[in-house]
Amino acid sequence: MGLLKSFFTNCAHPKGRMGRAMLKFMNLTHAPLTNWGLGLIEFQDGWTMLDVGCGGGKTLQRLLKRSQGAKVYGIDISDESVAKARENNADVLDKQVFVQKGSAAELPYEDGMFDLVTAIETVYFWSNLPGCVKGIHRVLKPGGRFAIMVEVVDADSKWTNFVEGMTAYTPEQLKALLDDAGFAQTEIHRKKPMYATIIGVKA
């Protein structure tokens, strides 16, 4: 149990050999949620997009495929994640895909830069979540969208006892945070058994 708990604790900040194993695990297991959530968005060509907590970088590939001529940025606090995301996008790195180390709490991007920001299975680990959401609002263009995708949808989830540093939120709590940050037309989408995508639009 201790080894398993240590493995899942790498969800928040993958490190070392176990962190690299976690990145492979997340790239695989997050695919169904990600593909469903991205299917709820009407993409346009030429978008500039950001994935916060980009992990191993597979979502960057998926975003690039949905918008011809797009530029996709990824940011993550983990050195292992940044290295893996760069490796997985080596053919377009620093051309269409740009990956750097950084925090959701201090996004190093200009105001109004992005058409879409995604956060997939990562908001559980953000400190000062309201501040992070306001920061994402700042870097979005007017009319830009913020999409949060989660599969832990119970604030009292047992995962919070199992994964160190994790805080779970209901989709309704996340919607309220987006509303408070100034997002409009915020919608909750659900898919059984426990997927949820919360999408808000910058007015």
C-alpha atoms as a PDB file:
ATOM      1  CA  MET A   1       0.000   0.000   0.000  1.00  0.00           C
ATOM      2  CA  GLY A   2       2.873   2.381   0.814  1.00  0.00           C
ATOM      3  CA  LEU A   3       4.430   1.897  -2.626  1.00  0.00           C
ATOM      4  CA  LEU A   4       1.058   2.406  -4.324  1.00  0.00           C
ATOM      5  CA  LYS A   5       0.423   5.581  -2.340  1.00  0.00           C
ATOM      6  CA  SER A   6       3.878   6.846  -3.248  1.00  0.00           C
ATOM      7  CA  PHE A   7       3.141   6.155  -6.912  1.00  0.00           C
ATOM      8  CA  PHE A   8      -0.112   8.113  -6.898  1.00  0.00           C
ATOM      9  CA  THR A   9       1.432  10.977  -4.957  1.00  0.00           C
ATOM     10  CA  ASN A  10       3.462  11.557  -8.143  1.00  0.00           C
ATOM     11  CA  CYS A  11       0.219  12.785  -9.734  1.00  0.00           C
ATOM     12  CA  ALA A  12       0.902  16.219  -8.296  1.00  0.00           C
ATOM     13  CA  HIS A  13       4.606  16.553  -9.052  1.00  0.00           C
ATOM     14  CA  PRO A  14       6.161  13.636 -10.963  1.00  0.00           C
ATOM     15  CA  LYS A  15       9.766  13.018  -9.932  1.00  0.00           C
ATOM     16  CA  GLY A  16      12.373  10.417 -10.766  1.00  0.00           C
ATOM     17  CA  ARG A  17      11.720   6.931 -12.089  1.00  0.00           C
ATOM     18  CA  MET A  18       8.350   6.626 -10.384  1.00  0.00           C
ATOM     19  CA  GLY A  19       7.373  10.034 -11.745  1.00  0.00           C
ATOM     20  CA  ARG A  20       8.240   8.956 -15.276  1.00  0.00           C
ATOM     21  CA  ALA A  21       6.086   5.863 -14.810  1.00  0.00           C
ATOM     22  CA  MET A  22       3.248   8.072 -13.575  1.00  0.00           C
ATOM     23  CA  LEU A  23       3.499  10.273 -16.686  1.00  0.00           C
ATOM     24  CA  LYS A  24       3.084   7.231 -18.926  1.00  0.00           C
ATOM     25  CA  PHE A  25       0.148   6.103 -16.798  1.00  0.00           C
ATOM     26  CA  MET A  26      -1.520   9.539 -16.976  1.00  0.00           C
ATOM     27  CA  ASN A  27      -0.988   9.896 -20.729  1.00  0.00           C
ATOM     28  CA  LEU A  28      -2.832   6.610 -21.186  1.00  0.00           C
ATOM     29  CA  THR A  29      -5.604   6.862 -18.599  1.00  0.00           C
ATOM     30  CA  HIS A  30      -6.510  10.515 -19.175  1.00  0.00           C
ATOM     31  CA  ALA A  31      -7.126   9.974 -22.896  1.00  0.00           C
ATOM     32  CA  PRO A  32     -10.859   9.061 -22.724  1.00  0.00           C
ATOM     33  CA  LEU A  33     -11.706  12.036 -20.489  1.00  0.00           C
ATOM     34  CA  THR A  34      -9.606  14.390 -22.596  1.00  0.00           C
ATOM     35  CA  ASN A  35     -11.030  13.285 -25.934  1.00  0.00           C
ATOM     36  CA  TRP A  36     -14.592  13.539 -24.632  1.00  0.00           C
ATOM     37  CA  GLY A  37     -14.011  16.972 -23.065  1.00  0.00           C
ATOM     38  CA  LEU A  38     -12.298  18.404 -26.134  1.00  0.00           C
ATOM     39  CA  GLY A  39     -15.214  17.130 -28.216  1.00  0.00           C
ATOM     40  CA  LEU A  40     -17.453  19.620 -26.388  1.00  0.00           C
ATOM     41  CA  ILE A  41     -15.472  22.570 -27.796  1.00  0.00           C
ATOM     42  CA  GLU A  42     -16.016  24.073 -31.243  1.00  0.00           C
ATOM     43  CA  PHE A  43     -12.442  24.531 -32.370  1.00  0.00           C
ATOM     44  CA  GLN A  44     -11.359  27.003 -35.008  1.00  0.00           C
ATOM     45  CA  ASP A  45      -8.181  27.026 -37.058  1.00  0.00           C
ATOM     46  CA  GLY A  46      -5.280  29.202 -36.007  1.00  0.00           C
ATOM     47  CA  TRP A  47      -6.020  29.158 -32.298  1.00  0.00           C
ATOM     48  CA  THR A  48      -3.419  29.836 -29.629  1.00  0.00           C
ATOM     49  CA  MET A  49      -3.970  27.410 -26.740  1.00  0.00           C
ATOM     50  CA  LEU A  50      -2.531  26.581 -23.335  1.00  0.00           C
ATOM     51  CA  ASP A  51      -2.638  23.367 -21.318  1.00  0.00           C
ATOM     52  CA  VAL A  52      -1.934  24.058 -17.648  1.00  0.00           C
ATOM     53  CA  GLY A  53      -0.400  21.056 -15.916  1.00  0.00           C
ATOM     54  CA  CYS A  54       0.529  19.541 -19.269  1.00  0.00           C
ATOM     55  CA  GLY A  55       2.078  16.377 -17.802  1.00  0.00           C
ATOM     56  CA  GLY A  56       3.612  14.186 -20.505  1.00  0.00           C
ATOM     57  CA  GLY A  57       2.336  16.394 -23.311  1.00  0.00           C
ATOM     58  CA  LYS A  58      -0.196  14.166 -25.062  1.00  0.00           C
ATOM     59  CA  THR A  59      -2.930  16.779 -24.662  1.00  0.00           C
ATOM     60  CA  LEU A  60      -0.719  19.239 -26.540  1.00  0.00           C
ATOM     61  CA  GLN A  61      -0.756  16.813 -29.474  1.00  0.00           C
ATOM     62  CA  ARG A  62      -4.527  16.451 -29.294  1.00  0.00           C
ATOM     63  CA  LEU A  63      -5.033  20.217 -29.238  1.00  0.00           C
ATOM     64  CA  LEU A  64      -2.747  20.700 -32.223  1.00  0.00           C
ATOM     65  CA  LYS A  65      -4.717  18.188 -34.287  1.00  0.00           C
ATOM     66  CA  ARG A  66      -7.992  20.040 -33.681  1.00  0.00           C
ATOM     67  CA  SER A  67      -6.893  23.472 -34.925  1.00  0.00           C
ATOM     68  CA  GLN A  68      -4.955  23.744 -38.163  1.00  0.00           C
ATOM     69  CA  GLY A  69      -2.100  26.218 -37.924  1.00  0.00           C
ATOM     70  CA  ALA A  70      -2.451  26.420 -34.144  1.00  0.00           C
ATOM     71  CA  LYS A  71       0.152  27.251 -31.546  1.00  0.00           C
ATOM     72  CA  VAL A  72      -0.036  25.239 -28.347  1.00  0.00           C
ATOM     73  CA  TYR A  73       1.666  26.054 -25.067  1.00  0.00           C
ATOM     74  CA  GLY A  74       2.172  23.733 -22.115  1.00  0.00           C
ATOM     75  CA  ILE A  75       3.258  24.535 -18.582  1.00  0.00           C
ATOM     76  CA  ASP A  76       3.978  22.242 -15.642  1.00  0.00           C
ATOM     77  CA  ILE A  77       5.733  22.506 -12.276  1.00  0.00           C
ATOM     78  CA  SER A  78       7.535  19.186 -12.740  1.00  0.00           C
ATOM     79  CA  ASP A  79      10.907  18.917 -14.482  1.00  0.00           C
ATOM     80  CA  GLU A  80      10.023  15.332 -15.448  1.00  0.00           C
ATOM     81  CA  SER A  81       6.758  16.488 -17.022  1.00  0.00           C
ATOM     82  CA  VAL A  82       8.407  19.288 -18.969  1.00  0.00           C
ATOM     83  CA  ALA A  83      11.100  16.931 -20.287  1.00  0.00           C
ATOM     84  CA  LYS A  84       8.548  14.287 -21.314  1.00  0.00           C
ATOM     85  CA  ALA A  85       6.224  16.830 -22.943  1.00  0.00           C
ATOM     86  CA  ARG A  86       9.132  18.208 -24.960  1.00  0.00           C
ATOM     87  CA  GLU A  87      10.180  14.696 -25.968  1.00  0.00           C
ATOM     88  CA  ASN A  88       6.643  13.762 -27.055  1.00  0.00           C
ATOM     89  CA  ASN A  89       6.383  16.910 -29.189  1.00  0.00           C
ATOM     90  CA  ALA A  90       9.968  17.053 -30.442  1.00  0.00           C
ATOM     91  CA  ASP A  91       9.005  17.334 -34.115  1.00  0.00           C
ATOM     92  CA  VAL A  92       7.101  20.600 -33.592  1.00  0.00           C
ATOM     93  CA  LEU A  93       8.819  21.878 -30.444  1.00  0.00           C
ATOM     94  CA  ASP A  94       9.471  25.627 -30.465  1.00  0.00           C
ATOM     95  CA  LYS A  95       7.641  25.844 -33.788  1.00  0.00           C
ATOM     96  CA  GLN A  96       4.022  25.067 -32.940  1.00  0.00           C
ATOM     97  CA  VAL A  97       4.399  23.614 -29.440  1.00  0.00           C
ATOM     98  CA  PHE A  98       6.060  25.514 -26.613  1.00  0.00           C
ATOM     99  CA  VAL A  99       6.665  23.891 -23.231  1.00  0.00           C
ATOM    100  CA  GLN A 100       8.064  25.447 -20.086  1.00  0.00           C
ATOM    101  CA  LYS A 101       8.295  24.909 -16.369  1.00  0.00           C
ATOM    102  CA  GLY A 102       5.998  27.064 -14.273  1.00  0.00           C
ATOM    103  CA  SER A 103       3.023  27.279 -11.958  1.00  0.00           C
ATOM    104  CA  ALA A 104      -0.686  27.797 -12.491  1.00  0.00           C
ATOM    105  CA  ALA A 105      -0.439  30.445  -9.787  1.00  0.00           C
ATOM    106  CA  GLU A 106       1.969  32.609 -11.784  1.00  0.00           C
ATOM    107  CA  LEU A 107       1.309  32.192 -15.491  1.00  0.00           C
ATOM    108  CA  PRO A 108       4.151  33.825 -17.452  1.00  0.00           C
ATOM    109  CA  TYR A 109       1.989  34.864 -20.390  1.00  0.00           C
ATOM    110  CA  GLU A 110       0.646  38.137 -21.729  1.00  0.00           C
ATOM    111  CA  ASP A 111      -2.889  39.329 -21.100  1.00  0.00           C
ATOM    112  CA  GLY A 112      -5.384  38.140 -23.711  1.00  0.00           C
ATOM    113  CA  MET A 113      -3.015  35.674 -25.357  1.00  0.00           C
ATOM    114  CA  PHE A 114      -5.087  32.483 -25.621  1.00  0.00           C
ATOM    115  CA  ASP A 115      -8.265  31.316 -27.347  1.00  0.00           C
ATOM    116  CA  LEU A 116      -8.483  28.228 -25.125  1.00  0.00           C
ATOM    117  CA  VAL A 117      -6.978  27.122 -21.824  1.00  0.00           C
ATOM    118  CA  THR A 118      -7.370  23.538 -20.634  1.00  0.00           C
ATOM    119  CA  ALA A 119      -6.756  21.975 -17.218  1.00  0.00           C
ATOM    120  CA  ILE A 120      -7.098  18.200 -17.214  1.00  0.00           C
ATOM    121  CA  GLU A 121      -7.015  16.260 -13.950  1.00  0.00           C
ATOM    122  CA  THR A 122      -4.857  18.941 -12.354  1.00  0.00           C
ATOM    123  CA  VAL A 123      -6.911  21.532 -10.449  1.00  0.00           C
ATOM    124  CA  TYR A 124      -6.893  19.181  -7.450  1.00  0.00           C
ATOM    125  CA  PHE A 125      -3.293  20.214  -6.809  1.00  0.00           C
ATOM    126  CA  TRP A 126      -3.405  23.977  -7.369  1.00  0.00           C
ATOM    127  CA  SER A 127      -2.836  26.131  -4.314  1.00  0.00           C
ATOM    128  CA  ASN A 128      -5.017  29.235  -4.184  1.00  0.00           C
ATOM    129  CA  LEU A 129      -7.364  27.854  -6.818  1.00  0.00           C
ATOM    130  CA  PRO A 130      -9.461  31.066  -7.022  1.00  0.00           C
ATOM    131  CA  GLY A 131      -6.296  33.046  -7.775  1.00  0.00           C
ATOM    132  CA  CYS A 132      -5.250  30.525 -10.433  1.00  0.00           C
ATOM    133  CA  VAL A 133      -8.654  30.783 -12.130  1.00  0.00           C
ATOM    134  CA  LYS A 134      -8.402  34.574 -12.179  1.00  0.00           C
ATOM    135  CA  GLY A 135      -4.946  34.264 -13.730  1.00  0.00           C
ATOM    136  CA  ILE A 136      -6.353  32.063 -16.484  1.00  0.00           C
ATOM    137  CA  HIS A 137      -9.108  34.610 -17.057  1.00  0.00           C
ATOM    138  CA  ARG A 138      -6.392  37.231 -17.514  1.00  0.00           C
ATOM    139  CA  VAL A 139      -4.469  35.352 -20.211  1.00  0.00           C
ATOM    140  CA  LEU A 140      -7.575  34.508 -22.255  1.00  0.00           C
ATOM    141  CA  LYS A 141      -8.782  36.618 -25.146  1.00  0.00           C
ATOM    142  CA  PRO A 142     -12.311  38.027 -24.924  1.00  0.00           C
ATOM    143  CA  GLY A 143     -14.512  35.143 -26.001  1.00  0.00           C
ATOM    144  CA  GLY A 144     -11.801  32.658 -25.066  1.00  0.00           C
ATOM    145  CA  ARG A 145     -12.702  29.480 -23.209  1.00  0.00           C
ATOM    146  CA  PHE A 146     -11.416  27.765 -20.101  1.00  0.00           C
ATOM    147  CA  ALA A 147     -12.141  24.040 -19.893  1.00  0.00           C
ATOM    148  CA  ILE A 148     -11.587  22.068 -16.682  1.00  0.00           C
ATOM    149  CA  MET A 149     -11.810  18.279 -17.020  1.00  0.00           C
ATOM    150  CA  VAL A 150     -12.043  16.053 -13.945  1.00  0.00           C
ATOM    151  CA  GLU A 151     -13.026  12.514 -13.058  1.00  0.00           C
ATOM    152  CA  VAL A 152     -12.982  12.948  -9.294  1.00  0.00           C
ATOM    153  CA  VAL A 153     -16.275  14.782  -8.849  1.00  0.00           C
ATOM    154  CA  ASP A 154     -16.975  14.253  -5.133  1.00  0.00           C
ATOM    155  CA  ALA A 155     -15.542  16.779  -2.673  1.00  0.00           C
ATOM    156  CA  ASP A 156     -15.372  13.979  -0.080  1.00  0.00           C
ATOM    157  CA  SER A 157     -13.601  11.579  -2.438  1.00  0.00           C
ATOM    158  CA  LYS A 158     -11.491   8.834  -0.860  1.00  0.00           C
ATOM    159  CA  TRP A 159      -8.707   9.854  -3.271  1.00  0.00           C
ATOM    160  CA  THR A 160      -7.963  12.879  -1.085  1.00  0.00           C
ATOM    161  CA  ASN A 161      -6.845  10.492   1.671  1.00  0.00           C
ATOM    162  CA  PHE A 162      -4.796   8.455  -0.775  1.00  0.00           C
ATOM    163  CA  VAL A 163      -3.039  11.149  -2.815  1.00  0.00           C
ATOM    164  CA  GLU A 164      -0.966  13.620  -0.842  1.00  0.00           C
ATOM    165  CA  GLY A 165      -1.754  17.283  -1.499  1.00  0.00           C
ATOM    166  CA  MET A 166      -5.019  16.598  -3.322  1.00  0.00           C
ATOM    167  CA  THR A 167      -8.221  18.577  -2.859  1.00  0.00           C
ATOM    168  CA  ALA A 168     -11.328  17.398  -4.690  1.00  0.00           C
ATOM    169  CA  TYR A 169     -14.100  19.712  -5.867  1.00  0.00           C
ATOM    170  CA  THR A 170     -17.595  19.111  -7.156  1.00  0.00           C
ATOM    171  CA  PRO A 171     -18.362  20.416 -10.650  1.00  0.00           C
ATOM    172  CA  GLU A 172     -20.709  22.905  -9.005  1.00  0.00           C
ATOM    173  CA  GLN A 173     -17.874  24.257  -6.857  1.00  0.00           C
ATOM    174  CA  LEU A 174     -15.672  24.645  -9.914  1.00  0.00           C
ATOM    175  CA  LYS A 175     -18.460  26.406 -11.814  1.00  0.00           C
ATOM    176  CA  ALA A 176     -18.867  28.835  -8.930  1.00  0.00           C
ATOM    177  CA  LEU A 177     -15.135  29.600  -9.000  1.00  0.00           C
ATOM    178  CA  LEU A 178     -15.306  30.366 -12.718  1.00  0.00           C
ATOM    179  CA  ASP A 179     -18.366  32.557 -12.217  1.00  0.00           C
ATOM    180  CA  ASP A 180     -16.636  34.456  -9.400  1.00  0.00           C
ATOM    181  CA  ALA A 181     -13.587  35.043 -11.617  1.00  0.00           C
ATOM    182  CA  GLY A 182     -15.722  36.726 -14.260  1.00  0.00           C
ATOM    183  CA  PHE A 183     -16.416  33.873 -16.664  1.00  0.00           C
ATOM    184  CA  ALA A 184     -19.768  33.865 -18.441  1.00  0.00           C
ATOM    185  CA  GLN A 185     -21.966  31.136 -19.943  1.00  0.00           C
ATOM    186  CA  THR A 186     -20.331  28.619 -17.589  1.00  0.00           C
ATOM    187  CA  GLU A 187     -21.628  25.119 -18.218  1.00  0.00           C
ATOM    188  CA  ILE A 188     -21.206  21.742 -16.542  1.00  0.00           C
ATOM    189  CA  HIS A 189     -21.116  18.692 -18.805  1.00  0.00           C
ATOM    190  CA  ARG A 190     -21.248  15.202 -17.343  1.00  0.00           C
ATOM    191  CA  LYS A 191     -20.593  11.738 -18.691  1.00  0.00           C
ATOM    192  CA  LYS A 192     -21.166   8.578 -16.707  1.00  0.00           C
ATOM    193  CA  PRO A 193     -19.802   7.187 -14.564  1.00  0.00           C
ATOM    194  CA  MET A 194     -17.871  10.196 -13.262  1.00  0.00           C
ATOM    195  CA  TYR A 195     -16.458  12.437 -15.980  1.00  0.00           C
ATOM    196  CA  ALA A 196     -17.165  16.164 -15.826  1.00  0.00           C
ATOM    197  CA  THR A 197     -16.080  19.105 -17.955  1.00  0.00           C
ATOM    198  CA  ILE A 198     -16.696  22.670 -16.813  1.00  0.00           C
ATOM    199  CA  ILE A 199     -16.382  25.320 -19.527  1.00  0.00           C
ATOM    200  CA  GLY A 200     -16.485  29.078 -19.044  1.00  0.00           C
ATOM    201  CA  VAL A 201     -16.202  31.913 -21.563  1.00  0.00           C
ATOM    202  CA  LYS A 202     -14.350  35.168 -20.967  1.00  0.00           C
ATOM    203  CA  ALA A 203     -16.878  37.940 -21.614  1.00  0.00           C
END
